[in-house]
C-alpha atoms as a PDB file:
ATOM      1  CA  MET A   1     -34.040-101.331 -52.611  1.00  0.00           C
ATOM      2  CA  LYS A   2     -37.219-100.150 -55.132  1.00  0.00           C
ATOM      3  CA  PRO A   3     -37.877-102.683 -57.762  1.00  0.00           C
ATOM      4  CA  PHE A   4     -36.635-101.670 -61.169  1.00  0.00           C
ATOM      5  CA  ILE A   5     -39.207-100.275 -63.774  1.00  0.00           C
ATOM      6  CA  TYR A   6     -37.500-102.217 -66.630  1.00  0.00           C
ATOM      7  CA  ASP A   7     -38.140-105.222 -64.445  1.00  0.00           C
ATOM      8  CA  TYR A   8     -41.719-105.106 -65.349  1.00  0.00           C
ATOM      9  CA  THR A   9     -43.329-106.295 -68.711  1.00  0.00           C
ATOM     10  CA  LEU A  10     -46.442-104.603 -69.740  1.00  0.00           C
ATOM     11  CA  GLU A  11     -48.719-107.038 -68.343  1.00  0.00           C
ATOM     12  CA  GLU A  12     -46.991-106.681 -64.997  1.00  0.00           C
ATOM     13  CA  LEU A  13     -47.504-102.953 -65.432  1.00  0.00           C
ATOM     14  CA  GLU A  14     -50.901-103.433 -66.056  1.00  0.00           C
ATOM     15  CA  ALA A  15     -51.802-105.675 -63.277  1.00  0.00           C
ATOM     16  CA  TRP A  16     -50.042-102.903 -61.091  1.00  0.00           C
ATOM     17  CA  ALA A  17     -52.188-100.258 -62.470  1.00  0.00           C
ATOM     18  CA  LEU A  18     -55.322-101.745 -61.614  1.00  0.00           C
ATOM     19  CA  GLU A  19     -53.985-102.424 -58.266  1.00  0.00           C
ATOM     20  CA  ASN A  20     -53.175 -99.051 -57.496  1.00  0.00           C
ATOM     21  CA  GLY A  21     -56.828 -97.737 -58.827  1.00  0.00           C
ATOM     22  CA  GLU A  22     -55.440 -96.693 -62.108  1.00  0.00           C
ATOM     23  CA  PRO A  23     -56.836 -97.671 -65.556  1.00  0.00           C
ATOM     24  CA  LYS A  24     -55.143-100.696 -67.434  1.00  0.00           C
ATOM     25  CA  PHE A  25     -53.996 -98.348 -70.311  1.00  0.00           C
ATOM     26  CA  ARG A  26     -51.995 -96.351 -68.040  1.00  0.00           C
ATOM     27  CA  ALA A  27     -49.249 -99.207 -68.040  1.00  0.00           C
ATOM     28  CA  ALA A  28     -49.124 -98.769 -72.144  1.00  0.00           C
ATOM     29  CA  GLN A  29     -48.254 -94.842 -71.430  1.00  0.00           C
ATOM     30  CA  ILE A  30     -45.731 -95.551 -68.890  1.00  0.00           C
ATOM     31  CA  TYR A  31     -44.248 -98.194 -71.241  1.00  0.00           C
ATOM     32  CA  ASP A  32     -44.503 -95.559 -74.041  1.00  0.00           C
ATOM     33  CA  TRP A  33     -42.465 -93.370 -71.712  1.00  0.00           C
ATOM     34  CA  ILE A  34     -39.689 -96.070 -70.876  1.00  0.00           C
ATOM     35  CA  TYR A  35     -38.932 -97.474 -73.938  1.00  0.00           C
ATOM     36  CA  VAL A  36     -39.970 -95.039 -76.970  1.00  0.00           C
ATOM     37  CA  LYS A  37     -39.244 -91.787 -75.366  1.00  0.00           C
ATOM     38  CA  ARG A  38     -36.796 -93.232 -73.321  1.00  0.00           C
ATOM     39  CA  VAL A  39     -36.990 -90.932 -70.303  1.00  0.00           C
ATOM     40  CA  ASN A  40     -34.899 -91.411 -66.990  1.00  0.00           C
ATOM     41  CA  ASP A  41     -37.050 -89.792 -64.763  1.00  0.00           C
ATOM     42  CA  PHE A  42     -40.791 -90.560 -63.665  1.00  0.00           C
ATOM     43  CA  ALA A  43     -41.501 -86.507 -63.414  1.00  0.00           C
ATOM     44  CA  GLU A  44     -41.041 -86.548 -67.111  1.00  0.00           C
ATOM     45  CA  MET A  45     -44.110 -88.578 -67.593  1.00  0.00           C
ATOM     46  CA  THR A  46     -46.433 -85.411 -68.608  1.00  0.00           C
ATOM     47  CA  ASN A  47     -49.290 -87.497 -69.763  1.00  0.00           C
ATOM     48  CA  LEU A  48     -49.904 -89.113 -66.148  1.00  0.00           C
ATOM     49  CA  SER A  49     -51.216 -87.352 -63.412  1.00  0.00           C
ATOM     50  CA  LYS A  50     -48.927 -85.662 -60.593  1.00  0.00           C
ATOM     51  CA  ALA A  51     -50.296 -88.388 -58.320  1.00  0.00           C
ATOM     52  CA  LEU A  52     -49.418 -91.253 -60.273  1.00  0.00           C
ATOM     53  CA  ARG A  53     -45.872 -89.734 -61.075  1.00  0.00           C
ATOM     54  CA  GLU A  54     -45.410 -89.699 -57.183  1.00  0.00           C
ATOM     55  CA  LYS A  55     -46.563 -93.163 -56.897  1.00  0.00           C
ATOM     56  CA  LEU A  56     -44.316 -94.619 -59.428  1.00  0.00           C
ATOM     57  CA  ASP A  57     -41.354 -92.544 -57.645  1.00  0.00           C
ATOM     58  CA  ASN A  58     -42.218 -93.922 -54.538  1.00  0.00           C
ATOM     59  CA  GLN A  59     -42.253 -97.569 -55.810  1.00  0.00           C
ATOM     60  CA  PHE A  60     -39.828 -97.879 -58.280  1.00  0.00           C
ATOM     61  CA  GLN A  61     -36.614 -96.814 -59.964  1.00  0.00           C
ATOM     62  CA  PHE A  62     -34.723 -96.617 -62.931  1.00  0.00           C
ATOM     63  CA  VAL A  63     -31.468 -99.095 -63.492  1.00  0.00           C
ATOM     64  CA  THR A  64     -28.397 -97.057 -62.788  1.00  0.00           C
ATOM     65  CA  LEU A  65     -25.795 -97.770 -65.166  1.00  0.00           C
ATOM     66  CA  ARG A  66     -22.781 -95.420 -63.840  1.00  0.00           C
ATOM     67  CA  GLU A  67     -20.066 -94.853 -66.363  1.00  0.00           C
ATOM     68  CA  ILE A  68     -16.711 -95.940 -65.134  1.00  0.00           C
ATOM     69  CA  THR A  69     -14.998 -96.340 -68.508  1.00  0.00           C
ATOM     70  CA  LYS A  70     -15.570 -95.790 -72.190  1.00  0.00           C
ATOM     71  CA  PHE A  71     -13.193 -96.419 -74.920  1.00  0.00           C
ATOM     72  CA  GLU A  72     -13.830 -95.531 -78.339  1.00  0.00           C
ATOM     73  CA  SER A  73     -12.283 -97.692 -81.218  1.00  0.00           C
ATOM     74  CA  LYS A  74     -11.068 -96.755 -84.775  1.00  0.00           C
ATOM     75  CA  ASP A  75     -13.453 -98.857 -86.135  1.00  0.00           C
ATOM     76  CA  GLY A  76     -16.341 -97.041 -84.443  1.00  0.00           C
ATOM     77  CA  THR A  77     -17.059 -99.962 -81.628  1.00  0.00           C
ATOM     78  CA  VAL A  78     -17.893 -98.258 -78.257  1.00  0.00           C
ATOM     79  CA  LYS A  79     -17.298-100.473 -75.006  1.00  0.00           C
ATOM     80  CA  PHE A  80     -18.900 -99.257 -71.998  1.00  0.00           C
ATOM     81  CA  LEU A  81     -17.799-100.653 -68.093  1.00  0.00           C
ATOM     82  CA  PHE A  82     -20.662 -99.757 -66.228  1.00  0.00           C
ATOM     83  CA  GLY A  83     -20.977 -99.653 -62.614  1.00  0.00           C
ATOM     84  CA  LEU A  84     -24.472-101.244 -60.878  1.00  0.00           C
ATOM     85  CA  HIS A  85     -26.223-100.134 -57.682  1.00  0.00           C
ATOM     86  CA  ASP A  86     -23.906-102.577 -55.743  1.00  0.00           C
ATOM     87  CA  ASP A  87     -20.857-101.542 -57.050  1.00  0.00           C
ATOM     88  CA  HIS A  88     -20.398-104.579 -59.344  1.00  0.00           C
ATOM     89  CA  ALA A  89     -19.242-103.576 -62.885  1.00  0.00           C
ATOM     90  CA  ILE A  90     -20.525-104.983 -66.181  1.00  0.00           C
ATOM     91  CA  GLU A  91     -19.401-104.566 -69.730  1.00  0.00           C
ATOM     92  CA  THR A  92     -21.815-103.282 -72.639  1.00  0.00           C
ATOM     93  CA  VAL A  93     -20.376-102.780 -76.222  1.00  0.00           C
ATOM     94  CA  ILE A  94     -22.176-100.769 -79.205  1.00  0.00           C
ATOM     95  CA  MET A  95     -20.622-102.237 -82.885  1.00  0.00           C
ATOM     96  CA  LYS A  96     -21.198-100.218 -86.068  1.00  0.00           C
ATOM     97  CA  HIS A  97     -21.824-102.382 -88.892  1.00  0.00           C
ATOM     98  CA  ASN A  98     -22.604-101.407 -92.596  1.00  0.00           C
ATOM     99  CA  TYR A  99     -26.332-102.525 -92.118  1.00  0.00           C
ATOM    100  CA  GLY A 100     -26.565-100.657 -88.699  1.00  0.00           C
ATOM    101  CA  ASN A 101     -25.799-100.878 -84.870  1.00  0.00           C
ATOM    102  CA  SER A 102     -25.340-103.858 -83.159  1.00  0.00           C
ATOM    103  CA  VAL A 103     -25.553-104.003 -79.093  1.00  0.00           C
ATOM    104  CA  CYS A 104     -23.576-106.798 -77.589  1.00  0.00           C
ATOM    105  CA  VAL A 105     -25.352-107.278 -73.667  1.00  0.00           C
ATOM    106  CA  THR A 106     -24.022-108.910 -70.611  1.00  0.00           C
ATOM    107  CA  THR A 107     -26.423-111.174 -68.563  1.00  0.00           C
ATOM    108  CA  GLN A 108     -24.257-111.953 -65.419  1.00  0.00           C
ATOM    109  CA  VAL A 109     -21.671-110.489 -63.355  1.00  0.00           C
ATOM    110  CA  GLY A 110     -18.496-112.701 -63.944  1.00  0.00           C
ATOM    111  CA  CYS A 111     -19.097-116.384 -65.287  1.00  0.00           C
ATOM    112  CA  ARG A 112     -18.772-119.766 -63.883  1.00  0.00           C
ATOM    113  CA  VAL A 113     -18.691-121.622 -67.164  1.00  0.00           C
ATOM    114  CA  GLY A 114     -14.825-121.538 -66.972  1.00  0.00           C
ATOM    115  CA  CYS A 115     -13.507-121.584 -70.539  1.00  0.00           C
ATOM    116  CA  THR A 116     -10.036-121.706 -70.126  1.00  0.00           C
ATOM    117  CA  PHE A 117      -9.404-118.962 -72.898  1.00  0.00           C
ATOM    118  CA  CYS A 118     -11.824-116.459 -71.755  1.00  0.00           C
ATOM    119  CA  ALA A 119     -11.457-113.284 -69.763  1.00  0.00           C
ATOM    120  CA  SER A 120     -15.164-113.480 -68.676  1.00  0.00           C
ATOM    121  CA  THR A 121     -14.492-116.446 -66.057  1.00  0.00           C
ATOM    122  CA  LEU A 122     -11.665-114.600 -64.200  1.00  0.00           C
ATOM    123  CA  GLY A 123     -12.917-113.896 -60.743  1.00  0.00           C
ATOM    124  CA  GLY A 124     -16.115-116.494 -60.939  1.00  0.00           C
ATOM    125  CA  LEU A 125     -19.671-115.769 -60.934  1.00  0.00           C
ATOM    126  CA  LYS A 126     -20.756-112.903 -58.743  1.00  0.00           C
ATOM    127  CA  ARG A 127     -24.667-112.864 -59.725  1.00  0.00           C
ATOM    128  CA  ASN A 128     -27.000-113.069 -62.044  1.00  0.00           C
ATOM    129  CA  LEU A 129     -28.532-109.746 -63.417  1.00  0.00           C
ATOM    130  CA  THR A 130     -32.253-109.028 -63.470  1.00  0.00           C
ATOM    131  CA  ALA A 131     -34.072-108.636 -66.756  1.00  0.00           C
ATOM    132  CA  GLY A 132     -34.479-104.723 -66.269  1.00  0.00           C
ATOM    133  CA  GLU A 133     -30.638-104.712 -65.714  1.00  0.00           C
ATOM    134  CA  ILE A 134     -30.109-106.740 -68.954  1.00  0.00           C
ATOM    135  CA  ILE A 135     -32.632-103.690 -70.625  1.00  0.00           C
ATOM    136  CA  ALA A 136     -31.165-101.127 -69.175  1.00  0.00           C
ATOM    137  CA  GLN A 137     -27.803-101.664 -71.221  1.00  0.00           C
ATOM    138  CA  VAL A 138     -29.963-101.551 -74.397  1.00  0.00           C
ATOM    139  CA  VAL A 139     -31.925 -98.768 -73.440  1.00  0.00           C
ATOM    140  CA  ARG A 140     -28.465 -96.754 -72.579  1.00  0.00           C
ATOM    141  CA  SER A 141     -27.220 -97.471 -75.968  1.00  0.00           C
ATOM    142  CA  GLN A 142     -30.383 -96.512 -77.740  1.00  0.00           C
ATOM    143  CA  GLN A 143     -30.164 -93.007 -75.623  1.00  0.00           C
ATOM    144  CA  ILE A 144     -26.418 -92.764 -77.260  1.00  0.00           C
ATOM    145  CA  LEU A 145     -27.430 -93.489 -80.525  1.00  0.00           C
ATOM    146  CA  ASP A 146     -30.482 -90.973 -80.227  1.00  0.00           C
ATOM    147  CA  GLU A 147     -28.065 -88.048 -80.278  1.00  0.00           C
ATOM    148  CA  ARG A 148     -26.744 -89.280 -83.620  1.00  0.00           C
ATOM    149  CA  GLY A 149     -30.583 -89.871 -85.095  1.00  0.00           C
ATOM    150  CA  GLU A 150     -29.579 -93.784 -85.139  1.00  0.00           C
ATOM    151  CA  ARG A 151     -31.281 -96.911 -83.563  1.00  0.00           C
ATOM    152  CA  VAL A 152     -30.418-100.214 -82.057  1.00  0.00           C
ATOM    153  CA  SER A 153     -31.137-102.619 -85.213  1.00  0.00           C
ATOM    154  CA  SER A 154     -29.873-105.666 -83.814  1.00  0.00           C
ATOM    155  CA  ILE A 155     -28.800-107.504 -80.274  1.00  0.00           C
ATOM    156  CA  VAL A 156     -26.330-109.847 -79.401  1.00  0.00           C
ATOM    157  CA  ILE A 157     -26.253-111.694 -76.191  1.00  0.00           C
ATOM    158  CA  MET A 158     -22.657-112.600 -76.287  1.00  0.00           C
ATOM    159  CA  GLY A 159     -21.204-110.310 -73.622  1.00  0.00           C
ATOM    160  CA  THR A 160     -20.168-111.615 -70.137  1.00  0.00           C
ATOM    161  CA  GLY A 161     -21.830-114.585 -68.632  1.00  0.00           C
ATOM    162  CA  GLU A 162     -23.716-117.562 -69.903  1.00  0.00           C
ATOM    163  CA  PRO A 163     -27.684-116.638 -70.552  1.00  0.00           C
ATOM    164  CA  PHE A 164     -28.728-119.762 -70.386  1.00  0.00           C
ATOM    165  CA  GLU A 165     -27.675-120.074 -66.692  1.00  0.00           C
ATOM    166  CA  ASN A 166     -29.877-116.761 -66.406  1.00  0.00           C
ATOM    167  CA  TYR A 167     -32.691-118.041 -68.431  1.00  0.00           C
ATOM    168  CA  ASP A 168     -35.583-116.616 -67.123  1.00  0.00           C
ATOM    169  CA  GLU A 169     -34.510-113.368 -66.588  1.00  0.00           C
ATOM    170  CA  THR A 170     -32.815-113.634 -70.203  1.00  0.00           C
ATOM    171  CA  MET A 171     -35.927-114.619 -71.560  1.00  0.00           C
ATOM    172  CA  LYS A 172     -38.016-111.766 -69.932  1.00  0.00           C
ATOM    173  CA  PHE A 173     -35.470-109.278 -71.207  1.00  0.00           C
ATOM    174  CA  LEU A 174     -35.984-110.868 -74.942  1.00  0.00           C
ATOM    175  CA  ARG A 175     -39.655-110.548 -74.765  1.00  0.00           C
ATOM    176  CA  THR A 176     -39.637-106.953 -73.755  1.00  0.00           C
ATOM    177  CA  MET A 177     -37.195-106.261 -76.509  1.00  0.00           C
ATOM    178  CA  ILE A 178     -39.028-107.633 -79.202  1.00  0.00           C
ATOM    179  CA  HIS A 179     -42.174-106.308 -77.902  1.00  0.00           C
ATOM    180  CA  GLU A 180     -44.206-103.855 -80.371  1.00  0.00           C
ATOM    181  CA  LYS A 181     -44.917-101.384 -77.842  1.00  0.00           C
ATOM    182  CA  GLY A 182     -41.225-101.502 -76.422  1.00  0.00           C
ATOM    183  CA  LEU A 183     -38.020-101.092 -78.439  1.00  0.00           C
ATOM    184  CA  ASN A 184     -39.696-103.367 -81.111  1.00  0.00           C
ATOM    185  CA  ILE A 185     -36.583-105.213 -82.066  1.00  0.00           C
ATOM    186  CA  GLY A 186     -37.032-107.989 -85.032  1.00  0.00           C
ATOM    187  CA  GLN A 187     -36.630-111.542 -83.651  1.00  0.00           C
ATOM    188  CA  ARG A 188     -34.397-112.472 -86.292  1.00  0.00           C
ATOM    189  CA  HIS A 189     -32.047-109.460 -85.460  1.00  0.00           C
ATOM    190  CA  ILE A 190     -31.248-110.774 -82.167  1.00  0.00           C
ATOM    191  CA  THR A 191     -28.924-113.651 -81.180  1.00  0.00           C
ATOM    192  CA  VAL A 192     -28.318-115.490 -78.045  1.00  0.00           C
ATOM    193  CA  SER A 193     -25.316-117.472 -77.322  1.00  0.00           C
ATOM    194  CA  THR A 194     -24.927-120.511 -75.153  1.00  0.00           C
ATOM    195  CA  SER A 195     -22.114-122.422 -74.000  1.00  0.00           C
ATOM    196  CA  GLY A 196     -24.087-125.508 -74.103  1.00  0.00           C
ATOM    197  CA  ILE A 197     -26.875-126.003 -71.362  1.00  0.00           C
ATOM    198  CA  VAL A 198     -28.692-128.726 -72.581  1.00  0.00           C
ATOM    199  CA  PRO A 199     -32.047-128.437 -70.642  1.00  0.00           C
ATOM    200  CA  ASN A 200     -32.130-124.826 -71.454  1.00  0.00           C
ATOM    201  CA  ILE A 201     -31.093-125.528 -75.025  1.00  0.00           C
ATOM    202  CA  TYR A 202     -34.494-127.780 -75.443  1.00  0.00           C
ATOM    203  CA  GLN A 203     -36.731-125.295 -73.401  1.00  0.00           C
ATOM    204  CA  PHE A 204     -35.629-122.475 -75.745  1.00  0.00           C
ATOM    205  CA  ALA A 205     -36.493-124.948 -78.775  1.00  0.00           C
ATOM    206  CA  ASP A 206     -39.887-124.896 -77.147  1.00  0.00           C
ATOM    207  CA  GLU A 207     -40.369-121.300 -76.707  1.00  0.00           C
ATOM    208  CA  ASP A 208     -41.692-120.519 -80.272  1.00  0.00           C
ATOM    209  CA  THR A 209     -39.770-117.472 -81.597  1.00  0.00           C
ATOM    210  CA  GLN A 210     -37.624-116.755 -84.403  1.00  0.00           C
ATOM    211  CA  ILE A 211     -34.834-115.473 -82.127  1.00  0.00           C
ATOM    212  CA  ASN A 212     -31.125-116.540 -83.480  1.00  0.00           C
ATOM    213  CA  LEU A 213     -29.329-119.524 -81.375  1.00  0.00           C
ATOM    214  CA  ALA A 214     -25.520-119.591 -81.597  1.00  0.00           C
ATOM    215  CA  ILE A 215     -23.601-122.663 -79.675  1.00  0.00           C
ATOM    216  CA  SER A 216     -20.003-121.840 -78.834  1.00  0.00           C
ATOM    217  CA  ILE A 217     -18.532-125.087 -79.659  1.00  0.00           C
ATOM    218  CA  HIS A 218     -14.516-124.564 -79.621  1.00  0.00           C
ATOM    219  CA  ALA A 219     -13.782-128.417 -80.435  1.00  0.00           C
ATOM    220  CA  PRO A 220     -15.258-130.995 -82.489  1.00  0.00           C
ATOM    221  CA  ASN A 221     -15.169-133.717 -79.585  1.00  0.00           C
ATOM    222  CA  ASP A 222     -15.629-134.672 -76.222  1.00  0.00           C
ATOM    223  CA  LYS A 223     -12.068-135.119 -75.298  1.00  0.00           C
ATOM    224  CA  LEU A 224     -10.994-131.596 -76.482  1.00  0.00           C
ATOM    225  CA  ARG A 225     -13.797-129.471 -75.549  1.00  0.00           C
ATOM    226  CA  SER A 226     -13.805-130.884 -72.014  1.00  0.00           C
ATOM    227  CA  LYS A 227     -10.193-129.493 -71.966  1.00  0.00           C
ATOM    228  CA  LEU A 228     -11.166-126.005 -73.341  1.00  0.00           C
ATOM    229  CA  MET A 229     -14.694-125.721 -71.635  1.00  0.00           C
ATOM    230  CA  PRO A 230     -15.133-127.367 -68.163  1.00  0.00           C
ATOM    231  CA  VAL A 231     -18.828-127.278 -68.873  1.00  0.00           C
ATOM    232  CA  ASN A 232     -18.543-129.960 -71.083  1.00  0.00           C
ATOM    233  CA  ARG A 233     -18.175-132.107 -68.272  1.00  0.00           C
ATOM    234  CA  ARG A 234     -21.610-131.365 -67.197  1.00  0.00           C
ATOM    235  CA  PHE A 235     -23.068-131.617 -70.570  1.00  0.00           C
ATOM    236  CA  PRO A 236     -20.986-134.187 -72.797  1.00  0.00           C
ATOM    237  CA  PHE A 237     -20.543-132.935 -76.698  1.00  0.00           C
ATOM    238  CA  ASP A 238     -22.653-135.449 -77.889  1.00  0.00           C
ATOM    239  CA  ASP A 239     -25.614-134.646 -75.682  1.00  0.00           C
ATOM    240  CA  VAL A 240     -25.084-130.952 -76.717  1.00  0.00           C
ATOM    241  CA  MET A 241     -25.252-131.859 -80.391  1.00  0.00           C
ATOM    242  CA  GLU A 242     -28.511-134.257 -79.600  1.00  0.00           C
ATOM    243  CA  SER A 243     -30.101-130.921 -77.952  1.00  0.00           C
ATOM    244  CA  LEU A 244     -29.341-128.728 -81.150  1.00  0.00           C
ATOM    245  CA  ARG A 245     -30.342-131.252 -83.201  1.00  0.00           C
ATOM    246  CA  TYR A 246     -33.558-131.298 -81.281  1.00  0.00           C
ATOM    247  CA  TYR A 247     -33.962-127.586 -81.746  1.00  0.00           C
ATOM    248  CA  GLN A 248     -33.367-127.352 -85.368  1.00  0.00           C
ATOM    249  CA  ALA A 249     -35.936-130.007 -85.935  1.00  0.00           C
ATOM    250  CA  LYS A 250     -38.506-128.034 -83.766  1.00  0.00           C
ATOM    251  CA  THR A 251     -37.608-124.678 -84.966  1.00  0.00           C
ATOM    252  CA  GLY A 252     -36.270-125.116 -88.621  1.00  0.00           C
ATOM    253  CA  ARG A 253     -33.676-122.424 -87.637  1.00  0.00           C
ATOM    254  CA  ARG A 254     -30.336-121.925 -88.727  1.00  0.00           C
ATOM    255  CA  ILE A 255     -27.618-122.798 -85.855  1.00  0.00           C
ATOM    256  CA  THR A 256     -24.260-120.567 -85.685  1.00  0.00           C
ATOM    257  CA  PHE A 257     -21.171-122.340 -84.256  1.00  0.00           C
ATOM    258  CA  GLU A 258     -18.900-120.101 -82.884  1.00  0.00           C
ATOM    259  CA  TYR A 259     -15.507-121.541 -83.132  1.00  0.00           C
ATOM    260  CA  ALA A 260     -12.378-120.029 -81.364  1.00  0.00           C
ATOM    261  CA  LEU A 261      -9.082-120.805 -83.061  1.00  0.00           C
ATOM    262  CA  ILE A 262      -6.224-121.267 -80.742  1.00  0.00           C
ATOM    263  CA  GLY A 263      -3.095-121.990 -82.076  1.00  0.00           C
ATOM    264  CA  GLY A 264      -1.629-125.302 -81.952  1.00  0.00           C
ATOM    265  CA  VAL A 265      -4.819-126.375 -79.880  1.00  0.00           C
ATOM    266  CA  ASN A 266      -8.218-126.569 -81.990  1.00  0.00           C
ATOM    267  CA  ASP A 267      -6.995-125.110 -85.207  1.00  0.00           C
ATOM    268  CA  GLN A 268      -5.121-128.064 -87.076  1.00  0.00           C
ATOM    269  CA  PRO A 269      -6.576-129.696 -90.105  1.00  0.00           C
ATOM    270  CA  GLU A 270      -7.838-132.841 -88.573  1.00  0.00           C
ATOM    271  CA  HIS A 271      -9.867-130.634 -86.094  1.00  0.00           C
ATOM    272  CA  ALA A 272     -11.775-129.178 -89.263  1.00  0.00           C
ATOM    273  CA  GLU A 273     -12.097-132.292 -90.956  1.00  0.00           C
ATOM    274  CA  GLU A 274     -13.625-133.571 -87.438  1.00  0.00           C
ATOM    275  CA  LEU A 275     -15.960-130.603 -87.221  1.00  0.00           C
ATOM    276  CA  ALA A 276     -16.964-130.787 -90.574  1.00  0.00           C
ATOM    277  CA  SER A 277     -18.246-134.264 -90.152  1.00  0.00           C
ATOM    278  CA  VAL A 278     -20.053-133.805 -87.307  1.00  0.00           C
ATOM    279  CA  ILE A 279     -22.064-130.911 -88.502  1.00  0.00           C
ATOM    280  CA  LYS A 280     -22.268-131.056 -92.176  1.00  0.00           C
ATOM    281  CA  ASP A 281     -25.966-132.666 -92.021  1.00  0.00           C
ATOM    282  CA  MET A 282     -27.207-129.761 -90.095  1.00  0.00           C
ATOM    283  CA  ILE A 283     -28.482-126.293 -91.563  1.00  0.00           C
ATOM    284  CA  CYS A 284     -25.825-124.284 -89.758  1.00  0.00           C
ATOM    285  CA  HIS A 285     -22.756-121.558 -90.498  1.00  0.00           C
ATOM    286  CA  VAL A 286     -19.868-121.771 -88.639  1.00  0.00           C
ATOM    287  CA  ASN A 287     -18.261-118.235 -87.382  1.00  0.00           C
ATOM    288  CA  LEU A 288     -14.365-118.681 -86.908  1.00  0.00           C
ATOM    289  CA  ILE A 289     -12.940-116.545 -84.521  1.00  0.00           C
ATOM    290  CA  PRO A 290      -9.155-115.916 -84.018  1.00  0.00           C
ATOM    291  CA  VAL A 291      -8.873-115.930 -80.158  1.00  0.00           C
ATOM    292  CA  ASN A 292      -7.985-112.695 -78.523  1.00  0.00           C
ATOM    293  CA  HIS A 293      -4.872-113.044 -76.350  1.00  0.00           C
ATOM    294  CA  VAL A 294      -5.922-112.516 -72.647  1.00  0.00           C
ATOM    295  CA  PRO A 295      -2.710-111.922 -70.360  1.00  0.00           C
ATOM    296  CA  GLU A 296      -4.255-114.525 -67.656  1.00  0.00           C
ATOM    297  CA  ARG A 297      -4.342-117.168 -70.324  1.00  0.00           C
ATOM    298  CA  LYS A 298      -1.673-119.315 -71.986  1.00  0.00           C
ATOM    299  CA  TYR A 299      -3.092-119.301 -75.381  1.00  0.00           C
ATOM    300  CA  VAL A 300      -1.998-117.789 -78.629  1.00  0.00           C
ATOM    301  CA  ARG A 301      -3.780-116.667 -82.040  1.00  0.00           C
ATOM    302  CA  THR A 302      -3.606-118.979 -84.577  1.00  0.00           C
ATOM    303  CA  ALA A 303      -1.509-117.780 -87.593  1.00  0.00           C
ATOM    304  CA  ARG A 304      -2.884-116.165 -90.583  1.00  0.00           C
ATOM    305  CA  LYS A 305      -2.227-118.860 -92.969  1.00  0.00           C
ATOM    306  CA  ASP A 306      -3.683-121.445 -90.522  1.00  0.00           C
ATOM    307  CA  ILE A 307      -6.851-119.749 -90.182  1.00  0.00           C
ATOM    308  CA  PHE A 308      -7.817-119.528 -93.765  1.00  0.00           C
ATOM    309  CA  GLN A 309      -6.731-123.448 -94.214  1.00  0.00           C
ATOM    310  CA  PHE A 310      -9.348-124.019 -91.731  1.00  0.00           C
ATOM    311  CA  GLN A 311     -12.103-122.040 -93.495  1.00  0.00           C
ATOM    312  CA  LYS A 312     -11.036-123.685 -97.010  1.00  0.00           C
ATOM    313  CA  ILE A 313     -11.463-127.362 -95.293  1.00  0.00           C
ATOM    314  CA  LEU A 314     -14.851-126.770 -93.931  1.00  0.00           C
ATOM    315  CA  ALA A 315     -15.711-124.938 -96.939  1.00  0.00           C
ATOM    316  CA  GLU A 316     -14.881-127.761 -99.302  1.00  0.00           C
ATOM    317  CA  GLN A 317     -16.742-130.016 -97.289  1.00  0.00           C
ATOM    318  CA  GLY A 318     -20.113-128.067 -97.672  1.00  0.00           C
ATOM    319  CA  VAL A 319     -20.196-126.067 -94.552  1.00  0.00           C
ATOM    320  CA  ASN A 320     -21.015-122.491 -94.648  1.00  0.00           C
ATOM    321  CA  VAL A 321     -18.236-120.652 -92.742  1.00  0.00           C
ATOM    322  CA  THR A 322     -16.992-117.155 -92.026  1.00  0.00           C
ATOM    323  CA  ILE A 323     -14.152-115.347 -90.301  1.00  0.00           C
ATOM    324  CA  ARG A 324     -15.390-112.893 -87.992  1.00  0.00           C
ATOM    325  CA  ARG A 325     -14.422-109.562 -88.475  1.00  0.00           C
ATOM    326  CA  GLU A 326     -12.516-108.187 -85.738  1.00  0.00           C
ATOM    327  CA  GLN A 327     -13.987-104.944 -84.270  1.00  0.00           C
ATOM    328  CA  GLY A 328     -12.810-103.194 -81.091  1.00  0.00           C
ATOM    329  CA  HIS A 329      -9.424-104.784 -81.131  1.00  0.00           C
ATOM    330  CA  ASP A 330      -7.295-101.574 -80.176  1.00  0.00           C
ATOM    331  CA  ILE A 331      -9.781-101.192 -76.930  1.00  0.00           C
ATOM    332  CA  ALA A 332      -9.914-104.403 -75.386  1.00  0.00           C
ATOM    333  CA  ALA A 333     -13.405-105.273 -76.601  1.00  0.00           C
ATOM    334  CA  ALA A 334     -12.948-108.959 -75.873  1.00  0.00           C
ATOM    335  CA  CYS A 335     -15.802-110.031 -73.508  1.00  0.00           C
ATOM    336  CA  GLY A 336     -14.507-109.449 -69.862  1.00  0.00           C
ATOM    337  CA  GLN A 337     -10.989-107.715 -70.691  1.00  0.00           C
ATOM    338  CA  LEU A 338     -12.247-104.379 -69.609  1.00  0.00           C
ATOM    339  CA  ARG A 339     -13.934-105.692 -66.245  1.00  0.00           C
ATOM    340  CA  ALA A 340     -10.731-107.917 -65.452  1.00  0.00           C
ATOM    341  CA  LYS A 341      -8.556-104.772 -65.694  1.00  0.00           C
ATOM    342  CA  HIS A 342     -11.042-102.943 -63.604  1.00  0.00           C
ATOM    343  CA  MET A 343     -11.202-105.579 -60.647  1.00  0.00           C
ATOM    344  CA  GLU A 344      -7.359-105.328 -60.570  1.00  0.00           C
ATOM    345  CA  ALA A 345      -7.011-101.811 -59.934  1.00  0.00           C
END
């Protein structure tokens, strides 16, 4: 199979151009056609010679994202299930906010982390996506928004998969997204979320970026977190917190704690008190997420009054906290739900 053109950085395209007897600046022209003009066919790159266009077509291919299903929510959220070249399927979501359009991308086909409340882990991990397959989700989203005269203003890496278990491809994706000659997304408008892959939290801290880090915490202690998130048995709660404190000391950046509230499991006042005691010395924000009902899982949503009580306790302890605005609730927009239905078909 020919390599994906999206898998190549500008520097790699420059090296390819020189190896193929072309001047180095041709790479920037190719990059412009890919990310600024956003063409899907090498034949459309009209300021390149016919011979070079044929050479590109012979050696590379564009990522094919075949639209299997598309759902549009009343709130403007659009969720896609895309088929890949090998018949696997991935989800991508465009979310409309009052500040612009956000795209939620997937980094793996399936997931092996095993969170007990999440649909993404149903069926386990099939394979990692290449950087180009992650990039293609954003480019496709931008092409759709081009039709409305709008643009992708932010990216969240919170779709199916654990990005820090596909670290190198995820970082390659990020470097392409922020490149001034690429889509040129501001670093502070990108958030990568991890379940707590400790070695790569340290590595990410040393990357010297302004990209935001979110951690799926979901419990205030080791015992409960291990029950909800099997990954905690590999990377215990205290080790995760130590790596996050290293990240904060190294970068000075705020951390977002994602906390899925599950009825009767992790949503009691004592859980809020314990969480506050663990994180109140950190520069952080807690995003409370009322858990989505997944038919294959036994958990239920926290009662509305208990959500607000949990928020109140954290706020009283000086913790910055909000309740996530629900988007796409009417179209199964939570990670993995659409793919799970497709797998059953």
